[in-house]
PDB file of N, CA and C in Angstrom:
ATOM      1  N   MET A   1      76.352  76.894 103.071  1.00  0.00           N
ATOM      2  CA  MET A   1      75.785  78.169 102.381  1.00  0.00           C
ATOM      3  C   MET A   1      76.315  78.225 101.122  1.00  0.00           C
ATOM      4  N   ARG A   2      75.369  78.145  99.956  1.00  0.00           N
ATOM      5  CA  ARG A   2      75.839  78.453  98.802  1.00  0.00           C
ATOM      6  C   ARG A   2      74.939  79.256  97.996  1.00  0.00           C
ATOM      7  N   ASP A   3      75.364  79.859  96.965  1.00  0.00           N
ATOM      8  CA  ASP A   3      74.673  80.575  96.029  1.00  0.00           C
ATOM      9  C   ASP A   3      73.610  79.991  95.198  1.00  0.00           C
ATOM     10  N   SER A   4      72.970  80.538  94.319  1.00  0.00           N
ATOM     11  CA  SER A   4      72.124  79.928  93.537  1.00  0.00           C
ATOM     12  C   SER A   4      72.723  79.088  92.337  1.00  0.00           C
ATOM     13  N   ASN A   5      74.383  79.305  92.103  1.00  0.00           N
ATOM     14  CA  ASN A   5      74.893  78.723  91.219  1.00  0.00           C
ATOM     15  C   ASN A   5      75.443  77.639  91.824  1.00  0.00           C
ATOM     16  N   GLY A   6      75.383  77.342  92.992  1.00  0.00           N
ATOM     17  CA  GLY A   6      75.972  76.428  93.863  1.00  0.00           C
ATOM     18  C   GLY A   6      77.488  76.711  94.450  1.00  0.00           C
ATOM     19  N   ARG A   7      77.950  77.794  94.190  1.00  0.00           N
ATOM     20  CA  ARG A   7      79.298  78.208  94.555  1.00  0.00           C
ATOM     21  C   ARG A   7      79.483  78.513  96.134  1.00  0.00           C
ATOM     22  N   PRO A   8      80.160  78.077  96.836  1.00  0.00           N
ATOM     23  CA  PRO A   8      80.201  78.266  98.359  1.00  0.00           C
ATOM     24  C   PRO A   8      80.166  79.591  98.617  1.00  0.00           C
ATOM     25  N   LEU A   9      79.679  80.248  99.545  1.00  0.00           N
ATOM     26  CA  LEU A   9      80.044  81.737  99.771  1.00  0.00           C
ATOM     27  C   LEU A   9      81.275  81.970 100.363  1.00  0.00           C
ATOM     28  N   TRP A  10      81.943  81.021 100.712  1.00  0.00           N
ATOM     29  CA  TRP A  10      83.224  81.195 101.465  1.00  0.00           C
ATOM     30  C   TRP A  10      84.394  81.055 100.388  1.00  0.00           C
ATOM     31  N   ALA A  11      84.186  80.775  99.202  1.00  0.00           N
ATOM     32  CA  ALA A  11      85.046  80.536  98.173  1.00  0.00           C
ATOM     33  C   ALA A  11      85.406  81.635  97.172  1.00  0.00           C
ATOM     34  N   GLY A  12      85.618  82.811  97.876  1.00  0.00           N
ATOM     35  CA  GLY A  12      85.795  84.019  97.157  1.00  0.00           C
ATOM     36  C   GLY A  12      87.218  83.608  96.468  1.00  0.00           C
ATOM     37  N   PRO A  13      87.607  84.511  95.495  1.00  0.00           N
ATOM     38  CA  PRO A  13      88.745  84.117  94.606  1.00  0.00           C
ATOM     39  C   PRO A  13      89.920  84.655  95.342  1.00  0.00           C
ATOM     40  N   GLY A  14      90.002  85.448  96.181  1.00  0.00           N
ATOM     41  CA  GLY A  14      91.388  86.159  96.769  1.00  0.00           C
ATOM     42  C   GLY A  14      90.991  86.446  98.187  1.00  0.00           C
ATOM     43  N   GLU A  15      92.261  86.982  98.646  1.00  0.00           N
ATOM     44  CA  GLU A  15      92.196  87.320  99.804  1.00  0.00           C
ATOM     45  C   GLU A  15      92.201  88.979 100.058  1.00  0.00           C
ATOM     46  N   GLU A  16      92.645  89.740  98.735  1.00  0.00           N
ATOM     47  CA  GLU A  16      92.601  90.846  98.920  1.00  0.00           C
ATOM     48  C   GLU A  16      91.359  91.917  99.032  1.00  0.00           C
ATOM     49  N   GLN A  17      91.418  92.830  99.827  1.00  0.00           N
ATOM     50  CA  GLN A  17      90.306  93.807  99.808  1.00  0.00           C
ATOM     51  C   GLN A  17      90.310  94.817  98.580  1.00  0.00           C
ATOM     52  N   GLY A  18      89.012  94.789  97.874  1.00  0.00           N
ATOM     53  CA  GLY A  18      88.937  95.991  97.062  1.00  0.00           C
ATOM     54  C   GLY A  18      88.267  95.505  95.401  1.00  0.00           C
ATOM     55  N   ASN A  19      88.204  96.298  94.732  1.00  0.00           N
ATOM     56  CA  ASN A  19      87.641  95.560  93.551  1.00  0.00           C
ATOM     57  C   ASN A  19      88.289  96.052  92.017  1.00  0.00           C
ATOM     58  N   GLY A  20      89.668  96.604  92.504  1.00  0.00           N
ATOM     59  CA  GLY A  20      90.418  96.941  91.433  1.00  0.00           C
ATOM     60  C   GLY A  20      89.996  98.402  90.607  1.00  0.00           C
ATOM     61  N   SER A  21      89.318  98.739  91.262  1.00  0.00           N
ATOM     62  CA  SER A  21      88.773 100.390  90.699  1.00  0.00           C
ATOM     63  C   SER A  21      89.513 101.427  91.538  1.00  0.00           C
ATOM     64  N   GLY A  22      90.065 100.940  92.615  1.00  0.00           N
ATOM     65  CA  GLY A  22      90.598 102.312  93.683  1.00  0.00           C
ATOM     66  C   GLY A  22      89.830 102.736  94.684  1.00  0.00           C
ATOM     67  N   VAL A  23      88.414 102.418  94.539  1.00  0.00           N
ATOM     68  CA  VAL A  23      87.576 102.715  95.659  1.00  0.00           C
ATOM     69  C   VAL A  23      87.647 101.888  96.961  1.00  0.00           C
ATOM     70  N   PRO A  24      87.964 102.322  97.870  1.00  0.00           N
ATOM     71  CA  PRO A  24      88.057 101.497  99.155  1.00  0.00           C
ATOM     72  C   PRO A  24      86.830 100.794  99.621  1.00  0.00           C
ATOM     73  N   GLN A  25      87.062  99.347  99.810  1.00  0.00           N
ATOM     74  CA  GLN A  25      85.895  98.541  99.955  1.00  0.00           C
ATOM     75  C   GLN A  25      85.720  98.232 101.468  1.00  0.00           C
ATOM     76  N   PRO A  26      84.547  97.942 102.126  1.00  0.00           N
ATOM     77  CA  PRO A  26      84.390  97.716 103.600  1.00  0.00           C
ATOM     78  C   PRO A  26      85.323  96.314 103.915  1.00  0.00           C
ATOM     79  N   GLN A  27      86.017  96.495 104.969  1.00  0.00           N
ATOM     80  CA  GLN A  27      86.816  95.531 105.421  1.00  0.00           C
ATOM     81  C   GLN A  27      85.868  94.252 106.228  1.00  0.00           C
ATOM     82  N   ALA A  28      86.265  92.976 106.278  1.00  0.00           N
ATOM     83  CA  ALA A  28      85.808  92.022 106.787  1.00  0.00           C
ATOM     84  C   ALA A  28      85.966  92.199 108.347  1.00  0.00           C
ATOM     85  N   MET A  29      84.963  91.745 108.676  1.00  0.00           N
ATOM     86  CA  MET A  29      84.690  91.575 110.515  1.00  0.00           C
ATOM     87  C   MET A  29      84.747  90.157 110.940  1.00  0.00           C
ATOM     88  N   GLU A  30      85.730  89.470 111.226  1.00  0.00           N
ATOM     89  CA  GLU A  30      85.735  88.210 111.372  1.00  0.00           C
ATOM     90  C   GLU A  30      85.177  87.797 112.724  1.00  0.00           C
ATOM     91  N   ASN A  31      85.030  88.704 113.714  1.00  0.00           N
ATOM     92  CA  ASN A  31      84.717  88.456 114.982  1.00  0.00           C
ATOM     93  C   ASN A  31      83.160  89.134 115.060  1.00  0.00           C
ATOM     94  N   ALA A  32      82.516  89.500 114.025  1.00  0.00           N
ATOM     95  CA  ALA A  32      81.180  90.069 114.203  1.00  0.00           C
ATOM     96  C   ALA A  32      80.143  89.416 114.643  1.00  0.00           C
ATOM     97  N   GLU A  33      79.206  90.034 115.272  1.00  0.00           N
ATOM     98  CA  GLU A  33      77.845  89.217 115.552  1.00  0.00           C
ATOM     99  C   GLU A  33      76.740  89.477 114.396  1.00  0.00           C
ATOM    100  N   TRP A  34      76.564  88.168 113.756  1.00  0.00           N
ATOM    101  CA  TRP A  34      75.775  88.447 112.800  1.00  0.00           C
ATOM    102  C   TRP A  34      74.273  88.429 113.131  1.00  0.00           C
ATOM    103  N   VAL A  35      73.225  89.154 112.539  1.00  0.00           N
ATOM    104  CA  VAL A  35      71.929  89.161 112.992  1.00  0.00           C
ATOM    105  C   VAL A  35      71.193  89.168 111.797  1.00  0.00           C
ATOM    106  N   THR A  36      69.915  88.616 111.843  1.00  0.00           N
ATOM    107  CA  THR A  36      68.834  88.558 110.822  1.00  0.00           C
ATOM    108  C   THR A  36      67.750  89.516 111.148  1.00  0.00           C
ATOM    109  N   VAL A  37      67.341  90.177 109.935  1.00  0.00           N
ATOM    110  CA  VAL A  37      66.308  91.191 110.326  1.00  0.00           C
ATOM    111  C   VAL A  37      65.498  91.388 109.191  1.00  0.00           C
ATOM    112  N   SER A  38      64.234  91.620 109.389  1.00  0.00           N
ATOM    113  CA  SER A  38      63.151  91.570 108.034  1.00  0.00           C
ATOM    114  C   SER A  38      62.990  93.201 107.887  1.00  0.00           C
ATOM    115  N   GLY A  39      62.517  93.597 106.839  1.00  0.00           N
ATOM    116  CA  GLY A  39      61.971  94.892 106.313  1.00  0.00           C
ATOM    117  C   GLY A  39      61.135  94.800 105.126  1.00  0.00           C
ATOM    118  N   SER A  40      60.974  96.307 104.450  1.00  0.00           N
ATOM    119  CA  SER A  40      60.311  96.236 103.641  1.00  0.00           C
ATOM    120  C   SER A  40      61.305  97.307 102.943  1.00  0.00           C
ATOM    121  N   VAL A  41      61.378  97.222 101.565  1.00  0.00           N
ATOM    122  CA  VAL A  41      62.297  97.951 100.767  1.00  0.00           C
ATOM    123  C   VAL A  41      61.602  99.332 100.500  1.00  0.00           C
ATOM    124  N   VAL A  42      62.178 100.472 100.714  1.00  0.00           N
ATOM    125  CA  VAL A  42      61.639 101.785 100.555  1.00  0.00           C
ATOM    126  C   VAL A  42      62.234 102.690  99.378  1.00  0.00           C
ATOM    127  N   ALA A  43      63.402 102.433  99.166  1.00  0.00           N
ATOM    128  CA  ALA A  43      63.698 102.647  97.600  1.00  0.00           C
ATOM    129  C   ALA A  43      64.988 101.652  97.329  1.00  0.00           C
ATOM    130  N   VAL A  44      65.158 101.895  95.888  1.00  0.00           N
ATOM    131  CA  VAL A  44      66.271 101.193  95.444  1.00  0.00           C
ATOM    132  C   VAL A  44      67.336 102.419  94.602  1.00  0.00           C
ATOM    133  N   ASN A  45      68.351 102.626  95.009  1.00  0.00           N
ATOM    134  CA  ASN A  45      69.111 103.344  94.470  1.00  0.00           C
ATOM    135  C   ASN A  45      70.463 102.728  93.920  1.00  0.00           C
ATOM    136  N   GLN A  46      71.317 103.474  93.158  1.00  0.00           N
ATOM    137  CA  GLN A  46      72.288 102.834  92.324  1.00  0.00           C
ATOM    138  C   GLN A  46      73.385 101.935  93.301  1.00  0.00           C
ATOM    139  N   PRO A  47      73.635 102.602  94.511  1.00  0.00           N
ATOM    140  CA  PRO A  47      74.683 101.622  95.329  1.00  0.00           C
ATOM    141  C   PRO A  47      73.730 100.628  96.280  1.00  0.00           C
ATOM    142  N   GLY A  48      72.674 100.661  96.190  1.00  0.00           N
ATOM    143  CA  GLY A  48      71.950  99.889  97.228  1.00  0.00           C
ATOM    144  C   GLY A  48      70.533 100.096  97.382  1.00  0.00           C
ATOM    145  N   LEU A  49      69.875  99.796  98.519  1.00  0.00           N
ATOM    146  CA  LEU A  49      68.349  99.598  99.139  1.00  0.00           C
ATOM    147  C   LEU A  49      68.418 100.454 100.410  1.00  0.00           C
ATOM    148  N   ILE A  50      67.136 101.091 100.384  1.00  0.00           N
ATOM    149  CA  ILE A  50      66.736 101.725 101.671  1.00  0.00           C
ATOM    150  C   ILE A  50      65.708 100.834 102.194  1.00  0.00           C
ATOM    151  N   VAL A  51      65.734 100.360 103.474  1.00  0.00           N
ATOM    152  CA  VAL A  51      65.031  99.311 103.778  1.00  0.00           C
ATOM    153  C   VAL A  51      64.524  99.579 105.087  1.00  0.00           C
ATOM    154  N   ASP A  52      63.304  99.733 105.550  1.00  0.00           N
ATOM    155  CA  ASP A  52      62.833  99.894 106.749  1.00  0.00           C
ATOM    156  C   ASP A  52      62.576  98.429 107.508  1.00  0.00           C
ATOM    157  N   THR A  53      63.166  98.476 108.830  1.00  0.00           N
ATOM    158  CA  THR A  53      63.165  97.472 109.531  1.00  0.00           C
ATOM    159  C   THR A  53      62.527  97.685 110.896  1.00  0.00           C
ATOM    160  N   GLU A  54      61.933  96.838 111.296  1.00  0.00           N
ATOM    161  CA  GLU A  54      61.294  96.997 112.764  1.00  0.00           C
ATOM    162  C   GLU A  54      62.433  97.080 114.100  1.00  0.00           C
ATOM    163  N   GLU A  55      63.544  96.213 113.599  1.00  0.00           N
ATOM    164  CA  GLU A  55      64.670  95.937 114.545  1.00  0.00           C
ATOM    165  C   GLU A  55      65.474  97.054 114.637  1.00  0.00           C
ATOM    166  N   MET A  56      65.903  97.717 113.505  1.00  0.00           N
ATOM    167  CA  MET A  56      67.031  98.405 113.722  1.00  0.00           C
ATOM    168  C   MET A  56      66.687  99.846 112.869  1.00  0.00           C
ATOM    169  N   GLY A  57      65.408 100.027 112.480  1.00  0.00           N
ATOM    170  CA  GLY A  57      64.811 101.182 111.878  1.00  0.00           C
ATOM    171  C   GLY A  57      65.333 101.063 110.296  1.00  0.00           C
ATOM    172  N   GLN A  58      65.561 102.415 109.977  1.00  0.00           N
ATOM    173  CA  GLN A  58      65.876 102.347 108.451  1.00  0.00           C
ATOM    174  C   GLN A  58      67.351 102.032 108.060  1.00  0.00           C
ATOM    175  N   LEU A  59      67.591 101.318 107.215  1.00  0.00           N
ATOM    176  CA  LEU A  59      68.709 100.934 106.971  1.00  0.00           C
ATOM    177  C   LEU A  59      69.193 101.388 105.487  1.00  0.00           C
ATOM    178  N   ASN A  60      70.346 101.929 105.212  1.00  0.00           N
ATOM    179  CA  ASN A  60      70.955 102.051 103.947  1.00  0.00           C
ATOM    180  C   ASN A  60      71.915 100.992 103.568  1.00  0.00           C
ATOM    181  N   LEU A  61      71.314 100.060 102.814  1.00  0.00           N
ATOM    182  CA  LEU A  61      72.254  98.693 102.411  1.00  0.00           C
ATOM    183  C   LEU A  61      73.092  98.952 101.292  1.00  0.00           C
ATOM    184  N   GLN A  62      74.479  98.983 101.475  1.00  0.00           N
ATOM    185  CA  GLN A  62      75.190  98.954 100.192  1.00  0.00           C
ATOM    186  C   GLN A  62      75.317  97.562  99.554  1.00  0.00           C
ATOM    187  N   LEU A  63      75.209  97.330  98.118  1.00  0.00           N
ATOM    188  CA  LEU A  63      75.275  96.053  97.571  1.00  0.00           C
ATOM    189  C   LEU A  63      76.487  95.898  96.954  1.00  0.00           C
ATOM    190  N   GLY A  64      77.643  96.511  97.152  1.00  0.00           N
ATOM    191  CA  GLY A  64      78.929  96.086  96.467  1.00  0.00           C
ATOM    192  C   GLY A  64      78.844  96.860  95.235  1.00  0.00           C
ATOM    193  N   PRO A  65      79.841  96.626  94.364  1.00  0.00           N
ATOM    194  CA  PRO A  65      79.910  97.068  93.034  1.00  0.00           C
ATOM    195  C   PRO A  65      78.796  96.527  92.135  1.00  0.00           C
ATOM    196  N   PRO A  66      78.210  97.700  91.132  1.00  0.00           N
ATOM    197  CA  PRO A  66      76.793  97.256  90.637  1.00  0.00           C
ATOM    198  C   PRO A  66      77.181  95.935  89.892  1.00  0.00           C
ATOM    199  N   TRP A  67      78.454  95.788  89.242  1.00  0.00           N
ATOM    200  CA  TRP A  67      78.766  94.600  88.370  1.00  0.00           C
ATOM    201  C   TRP A  67      78.330  93.259  89.335  1.00  0.00           C
ATOM    202  N   PHE A  68      78.865  93.166  90.551  1.00  0.00           N
ATOM    203  CA  PHE A  68      78.773  92.239  91.328  1.00  0.00           C
ATOM    204  C   PHE A  68      77.109  91.659  91.619  1.00  0.00           C
ATOM    205  N   ALA A  69      76.355  92.652  91.843  1.00  0.00           N
ATOM    206  CA  ALA A  69      75.012  92.531  92.461  1.00  0.00           C
ATOM    207  C   ALA A  69      74.287  92.175  90.843  1.00  0.00           C
ATOM    208  N   GLY A  70      74.802  92.662  89.943  1.00  0.00           N
ATOM    209  CA  GLY A  70      74.116  92.218  88.469  1.00  0.00           C
ATOM    210  C   GLY A  70      74.299  90.882  88.120  1.00  0.00           C
ATOM    211  N   GLU A  71      75.616  90.336  88.402  1.00  0.00           N
ATOM    212  CA  GLU A  71      75.835  89.064  88.146  1.00  0.00           C
ATOM    213  C   GLU A  71      74.812  87.960  88.598  1.00  0.00           C
ATOM    214  N   GLN A  72      74.275  88.260  89.725  1.00  0.00           N
ATOM    215  CA  GLN A  72      73.449  87.388  90.595  1.00  0.00           C
ATOM    216  C   GLN A  72      71.910  87.761  90.019  1.00  0.00           C
ATOM    217  N   GLU A  73      71.600  88.461  89.203  1.00  0.00           N
ATOM    218  CA  GLU A  73      70.389  88.695  88.643  1.00  0.00           C
ATOM    219  C   GLU A  73      69.236  88.552  89.608  1.00  0.00           C
ATOM    220  N   VAL A  74      69.625  89.275  90.895  1.00  0.00           N
ATOM    221  CA  VAL A  74      68.478  89.497  91.983  1.00  0.00           C
ATOM    222  C   VAL A  74      68.021  90.981  91.718  1.00  0.00           C
ATOM    223  N   THR A  75      66.664  91.107  92.037  1.00  0.00           N
ATOM    224  CA  THR A  75      66.301  92.458  91.768  1.00  0.00           C
ATOM    225  C   THR A  75      65.327  92.781  92.983  1.00  0.00           C
ATOM    226  N   PHE A  76      65.325  93.970  93.536  1.00  0.00           N
ATOM    227  CA  PHE A  76      64.331  94.567  94.271  1.00  0.00           C
ATOM    228  C   PHE A  76      63.546  95.753  93.890  1.00  0.00           C
ATOM    229  N   SER A  77      62.246  95.979  94.514  1.00  0.00           N
ATOM    230  CA  SER A  77      61.575  96.834  94.161  1.00  0.00           C
ATOM    231  C   SER A  77      61.039  97.265  95.493  1.00  0.00           C
ATOM    232  N   PRO A  78      60.651  98.713  95.458  1.00  0.00           N
ATOM    233  CA  PRO A  78      59.930  99.454  96.492  1.00  0.00           C
ATOM    234  C   PRO A  78      58.613  98.746  97.089  1.00  0.00           C
ATOM    235  N   GLY A  79      58.698  98.343  98.320  1.00  0.00           N
ATOM    236  CA  GLY A  79      57.422  97.405  98.737  1.00  0.00           C
ATOM    237  C   GLY A  79      57.768  95.961  98.864  1.00  0.00           C
ATOM    238  N   ASP A  80      58.824  95.489  98.254  1.00  0.00           N
ATOM    239  CA  ASP A  80      59.335  94.155  98.558  1.00  0.00           C
ATOM    240  C   ASP A  80      59.540  94.019 100.046  1.00  0.00           C
ATOM    241  N   THR A  81      59.372  92.721 100.797  1.00  0.00           N
ATOM    242  CA  THR A  81      59.612  92.634 101.999  1.00  0.00           C
ATOM    243  C   THR A  81      60.948  91.538 101.675  1.00  0.00           C
ATOM    244  N   VAL A  82      61.856  91.769 102.594  1.00  0.00           N
ATOM    245  CA  VAL A  82      63.091  91.416 102.564  1.00  0.00           C
ATOM    246  C   VAL A  82      63.584  90.716 104.056  1.00  0.00           C
ATOM    247  N   THR A  83      64.529  89.751 103.927  1.00  0.00           N
ATOM    248  CA  THR A  83      65.166  89.318 105.056  1.00  0.00           C
ATOM    249  C   THR A  83      66.390  89.423 104.927  1.00  0.00           C
ATOM    250  N   ILE A  84      67.387  90.119 105.792  1.00  0.00           N
ATOM    251  CA  ILE A  84      68.644  90.595 105.695  1.00  0.00           C
ATOM    252  C   ILE A  84      69.620  90.035 106.643  1.00  0.00           C
ATOM    253  N   VAL A  85      70.647  89.382 106.335  1.00  0.00           N
ATOM    254  CA  VAL A  85      71.779  88.918 107.486  1.00  0.00           C
ATOM    255  C   VAL A  85      72.764  89.773 107.150  1.00  0.00           C
ATOM    256  N   GLY A  86      73.331  90.300 108.520  1.00  0.00           N
ATOM    257  CA  GLY A  86      74.574  91.253 108.357  1.00  0.00           C
ATOM    258  C   GLY A  86      74.962  91.384 109.788  1.00  0.00           C
ATOM    259  N   PHE A  87      75.784  92.256 109.867  1.00  0.00           N
ATOM    260  CA  PHE A  87      76.492  92.688 110.972  1.00  0.00           C
ATOM    261  C   PHE A  87      76.777  94.028 111.227  1.00  0.00           C
ATOM    262  N   GLU A  88      77.106  94.797 112.278  1.00  0.00           N
ATOM    263  CA  GLU A  88      77.460  96.052 112.609  1.00  0.00           C
ATOM    264  C   GLU A  88      78.986  96.140 112.199  1.00  0.00           C
ATOM    265  N   GLY A  89      79.431  97.142 111.280  1.00  0.00           N
ATOM    266  CA  GLY A  89      80.894  97.335 110.991  1.00  0.00           C
ATOM    267  C   GLY A  89      81.393  98.260 111.670  1.00  0.00           C
ATOM    268  N   GLU A  90      82.607  98.466 111.403  1.00  0.00           N
ATOM    269  CA  GLU A  90      83.366  99.636 111.731  1.00  0.00           C
ATOM    270  C   GLU A  90      82.677 101.091 111.486  1.00  0.00           C
ATOM    271  N   GLY A  91      82.573 101.803 112.548  1.00  0.00           N
ATOM    272  CA  GLY A  91      81.798 103.104 112.529  1.00  0.00           C
ATOM    273  C   GLY A  91      80.227 102.917 112.644  1.00  0.00           C
ATOM    274  N   GLY A  92      80.011 101.685 113.170  1.00  0.00           N
ATOM    275  CA  GLY A  92      78.223 101.497 113.141  1.00  0.00           C
ATOM    276  C   GLY A  92      77.595 101.217 111.922  1.00  0.00           C
ATOM    277  N   MET A  93      78.115 101.252 110.798  1.00  0.00           N
ATOM    278  CA  MET A  93      77.595 100.844 109.418  1.00  0.00           C
ATOM    279  C   MET A  93      77.203  99.375 109.395  1.00  0.00           C
ATOM    280  N   PHE A  94      75.854  99.266 109.043  1.00  0.00           N
ATOM    281  CA  PHE A  94      75.457  97.682 108.922  1.00  0.00           C
ATOM    282  C   PHE A  94      75.852  97.466 107.621  1.00  0.00           C
ATOM    283  N   GLN A  95      76.808  96.076 107.660  1.00  0.00           N
ATOM    284  CA  GLN A  95      77.273  95.586 106.583  1.00  0.00           C
ATOM    285  C   GLN A  95      76.268  94.183 106.144  1.00  0.00           C
ATOM    286  N   THR A  96      75.892  94.380 104.983  1.00  0.00           N
ATOM    287  CA  THR A  96      75.013  93.082 104.720  1.00  0.00           C
ATOM    288  C   THR A  96      75.833  92.061 103.932  1.00  0.00           C
ATOM    289  N   GLY A  97      75.541  90.733 104.315  1.00  0.00           N
ATOM    290  CA  GLY A  97      76.112  89.332 104.259  1.00  0.00           C
ATOM    291  C   GLY A  97      75.064  89.064 103.064  1.00  0.00           C
ATOM    292  N   GLN A  98      73.655  88.856 103.134  1.00  0.00           N
ATOM    293  CA  GLN A  98      73.043  88.430 101.985  1.00  0.00           C
ATOM    294  C   GLN A  98      71.622  89.123 102.427  1.00  0.00           C
ATOM    295  N   ILE A  99      70.809  89.225 101.276  1.00  0.00           N
ATOM    296  CA  ILE A  99      69.609  89.710 101.299  1.00  0.00           C
ATOM    297  C   ILE A  99      68.614  88.739 100.463  1.00  0.00           C
ATOM    298  N   ALA A 100      67.748  88.449 101.304  1.00  0.00           N
ATOM    299  CA  ALA A 100      66.366  87.338 100.452  1.00  0.00           C
ATOM    300  C   ALA A 100      65.454  88.417 100.098  1.00  0.00           C
ATOM    301  N   ASN A 101      64.885  88.347  98.959  1.00  0.00           N
ATOM    302  CA  ASN A 101      63.655  88.958  98.624  1.00  0.00           C
ATOM    303  C   ASN A 101      62.667  87.932  98.886  1.00  0.00           C
ATOM    304  N   ASP A 102      61.676  88.110  99.704  1.00  0.00           N
ATOM    305  CA  ASP A 102      60.767  87.444 100.126  1.00  0.00           C
ATOM    306  C   ASP A 102      59.465  87.193  99.085  1.00  0.00           C
ATOM    307  N   ILE A 103      59.322  88.239  98.168  1.00  0.00           N
ATOM    308  CA  ILE A 103      58.499  87.974  97.209  1.00  0.00           C
ATOM    309  C   ILE A 103      58.798  87.210  96.165  1.00  0.00           C
ATOM    310  N   THR A 104      60.210  87.366  95.592  1.00  0.00           N
ATOM    311  CA  THR A 104      60.486  86.291  94.489  1.00  0.00           C
ATOM    312  C   THR A 104      61.114  85.080  94.916  1.00  0.00           C
ATOM    313  N   GLY A 105      61.793  85.048  96.188  1.00  0.00           N
ATOM    314  CA  GLY A 105      62.297  83.964  96.955  1.00  0.00           C
ATOM    315  C   GLY A 105      63.739  84.007  96.451  1.00  0.00           C
ATOM    316  N   ALA A 106      64.258  84.957  95.513  1.00  0.00           N
ATOM    317  CA  ALA A 106      65.769  85.073  95.260  1.00  0.00           C
ATOM    318  C   ALA A 106      66.756  85.663  96.444  1.00  0.00           C
ATOM    319  N   THR A 107      68.025  85.249  96.319  1.00  0.00           N
ATOM    320  CA  THR A 107      68.522  85.868  97.510  1.00  0.00           C
ATOM    321  C   THR A 107      70.076  86.488  96.858  1.00  0.00           C
ATOM    322  N   LEU A 108      70.567  87.531  97.165  1.00  0.00           N
ATOM    323  CA  LEU A 108      71.777  88.432  96.637  1.00  0.00           C
ATOM    324  C   LEU A 108      72.748  87.866  98.002  1.00  0.00           C
ATOM    325  N   TYR A 109      73.858  87.356  97.501  1.00  0.00           N
ATOM    326  CA  TYR A 109      74.642  86.962  98.539  1.00  0.00           C
ATOM    327  C   TYR A 109      75.914  88.043  98.383  1.00  0.00           C
ATOM    328  N   LEU A 110      76.362  88.614  99.404  1.00  0.00           N
ATOM    329  CA  LEU A 110      77.414  89.588  99.318  1.00  0.00           C
ATOM    330  C   LEU A 110      78.762  89.314  99.991  1.00  0.00           C
ATOM    331  N   ARG A 111      78.821  88.516 101.340  1.00  0.00           N
ATOM    332  CA  ARG A 111      79.742  88.201 102.073  1.00  0.00           C
ATOM    333  C   ARG A 111      79.956  86.912 102.383  1.00  0.00           C
ATOM    334  N   ASP A 112      81.202  86.173 102.615  1.00  0.00           N
ATOM    335  CA  ASP A 112      81.353  85.099 103.360  1.00  0.00           C
ATOM    336  C   ASP A 112      81.147  85.127 104.769  1.00  0.00           C
ATOM    337  N   PRO A 113      81.321  83.783 105.190  1.00  0.00           N
ATOM    338  CA  PRO A 113      80.789  83.735 106.815  1.00  0.00           C
ATOM    339  C   PRO A 113      81.880  84.683 107.659  1.00  0.00           C
ATOM    340  N   ASN A 114      83.113  84.914 107.171  1.00  0.00           N
ATOM    341  CA  ASN A 114      83.935  85.962 108.110  1.00  0.00           C
ATOM    342  C   ASN A 114      83.777  87.408 107.676  1.00  0.00           C
ATOM    343  N   GLY A 115      82.732  87.658 106.862  1.00  0.00           N
ATOM    344  CA  GLY A 115      82.166  89.063 106.547  1.00  0.00           C
ATOM    345  C   GLY A 115      83.152  89.728 105.522  1.00  0.00           C
ATOM    346  N   ARG A 116      83.871  88.933 104.894  1.00  0.00           N
ATOM    347  CA  ARG A 116      84.567  89.404 103.586  1.00  0.00           C
ATOM    348  C   ARG A 116      83.796  89.600 102.582  1.00  0.00           C
ATOM    349  N   PRO A 117      83.932  90.606 101.697  1.00  0.00           N
ATOM    350  CA  PRO A 117      83.024  90.956 100.574  1.00  0.00           C
ATOM    351  C   PRO A 117      83.427  89.955  99.460  1.00  0.00           C
ATOM    352  N   LEU A 118      82.333  89.061  98.883  1.00  0.00           N
ATOM    353  CA  LEU A 118      82.581  88.321  97.881  1.00  0.00           C
ATOM    354  C   LEU A 118      83.359  88.847  96.597  1.00  0.00           C
ATOM    355  N   TRP A 119      83.062  90.039  96.421  1.00  0.00           N
ATOM    356  CA  TRP A 119      83.798  90.650  95.324  1.00  0.00           C
ATOM    357  C   TRP A 119      85.230  91.017  95.494  1.00  0.00           C
ATOM    358  N   ALA A 120      85.779  90.892  96.615  1.00  0.00           N
ATOM    359  CA  ALA A 120      86.952  91.153  97.068  1.00  0.00           C
ATOM    360  C   ALA A 120      88.024  90.399  95.910  1.00  0.00           C
ATOM    361  N   GLY A 121      88.969  91.055  95.544  1.00  0.00           N
ATOM    362  CA  GLY A 121      90.105  90.854  94.783  1.00  0.00           C
ATOM    363  C   GLY A 121      89.770  90.098  93.406  1.00  0.00           C
ATOM    364  N   ARG A 122      88.528  90.464  92.831  1.00  0.00           N
ATOM    365  CA  ARG A 122      88.187  90.244  91.618  1.00  0.00           C
ATOM    366  C   ARG A 122      88.395  90.907  90.415  1.00  0.00           C
ATOM    367  N   GLY A 123      88.895  92.243  90.659  1.00  0.00           N
ATOM    368  CA  GLY A 123      89.327  92.911  89.632  1.00  0.00           C
ATOM    369  C   GLY A 123      88.248  93.927  88.981  1.00  0.00           C
ATOM    370  N   GLN A 124      88.561  94.849  88.404  1.00  0.00           N
ATOM    371  CA  GLN A 124      87.797  95.745  87.738  1.00  0.00           C
ATOM    372  C   GLN A 124      86.736  95.188  86.902  1.00  0.00           C
ATOM    373  N   GLY A 125      85.467  95.527  87.199  1.00  0.00           N
ATOM    374  CA  GLY A 125      84.549  95.073  86.188  1.00  0.00           C
ATOM    375  C   GLY A 125      83.872  93.640  86.057  1.00  0.00           C
ATOM    376  N   GLY A 126      84.417  93.120  87.443  1.00  0.00           N
ATOM    377  CA  GLY A 126      84.128  91.705  87.703  1.00  0.00           C
ATOM    378  C   GLY A 126      84.979  90.781  86.776  1.00  0.00           C
ATOM    379  N   GLY A 127      86.032  91.174  86.608  1.00  0.00           N
ATOM    380  CA  GLY A 127      86.776  90.264  85.648  1.00  0.00           C
ATOM    381  C   GLY A 127      86.772  88.873  85.954  1.00  0.00           C
ATOM    382  N   ASN A 128      87.075  87.955  84.902  1.00  0.00           N
ATOM    383  CA  ASN A 128      86.899  86.733  84.919  1.00  0.00           C
ATOM    384  C   ASN A 128      88.358  86.303  85.531  1.00  0.00           C
ATOM    385  N   ASN A 129      89.191  86.841  86.359  1.00  0.00           N
ATOM    386  CA  ASN A 129      90.453  86.309  86.548  1.00  0.00           C
ATOM    387  C   ASN A 129      90.103  85.649  88.003  1.00  0.00           C
TER     388      ASN A 129
END
């Protein structure tokens, strides 16, 4: 599994959790059961998307730090159909691994196969470290 730039999803730059901003980040769930669901984007908001799915109802999907999603240049609009791969994390919150926009064909990659956020350990602002 690779992103659109050919970078392996599991090749995150660090083991730490967080983005250097002091904001707690979701923890990886190494033994989580991954599921694939389809739905329609209801709303796009600053931290993520609200997607209506048949399998799980309405999901409020967090897309990580805005700079991280912005780097991948994948966009979503209300009404877009999407395919989501993720797992139920601590506290029952759905954690998104990747979201494919079925309309544009673009995929936003958020987590490695162990559930670790791909932005983890990258530093504030998506630093180039």
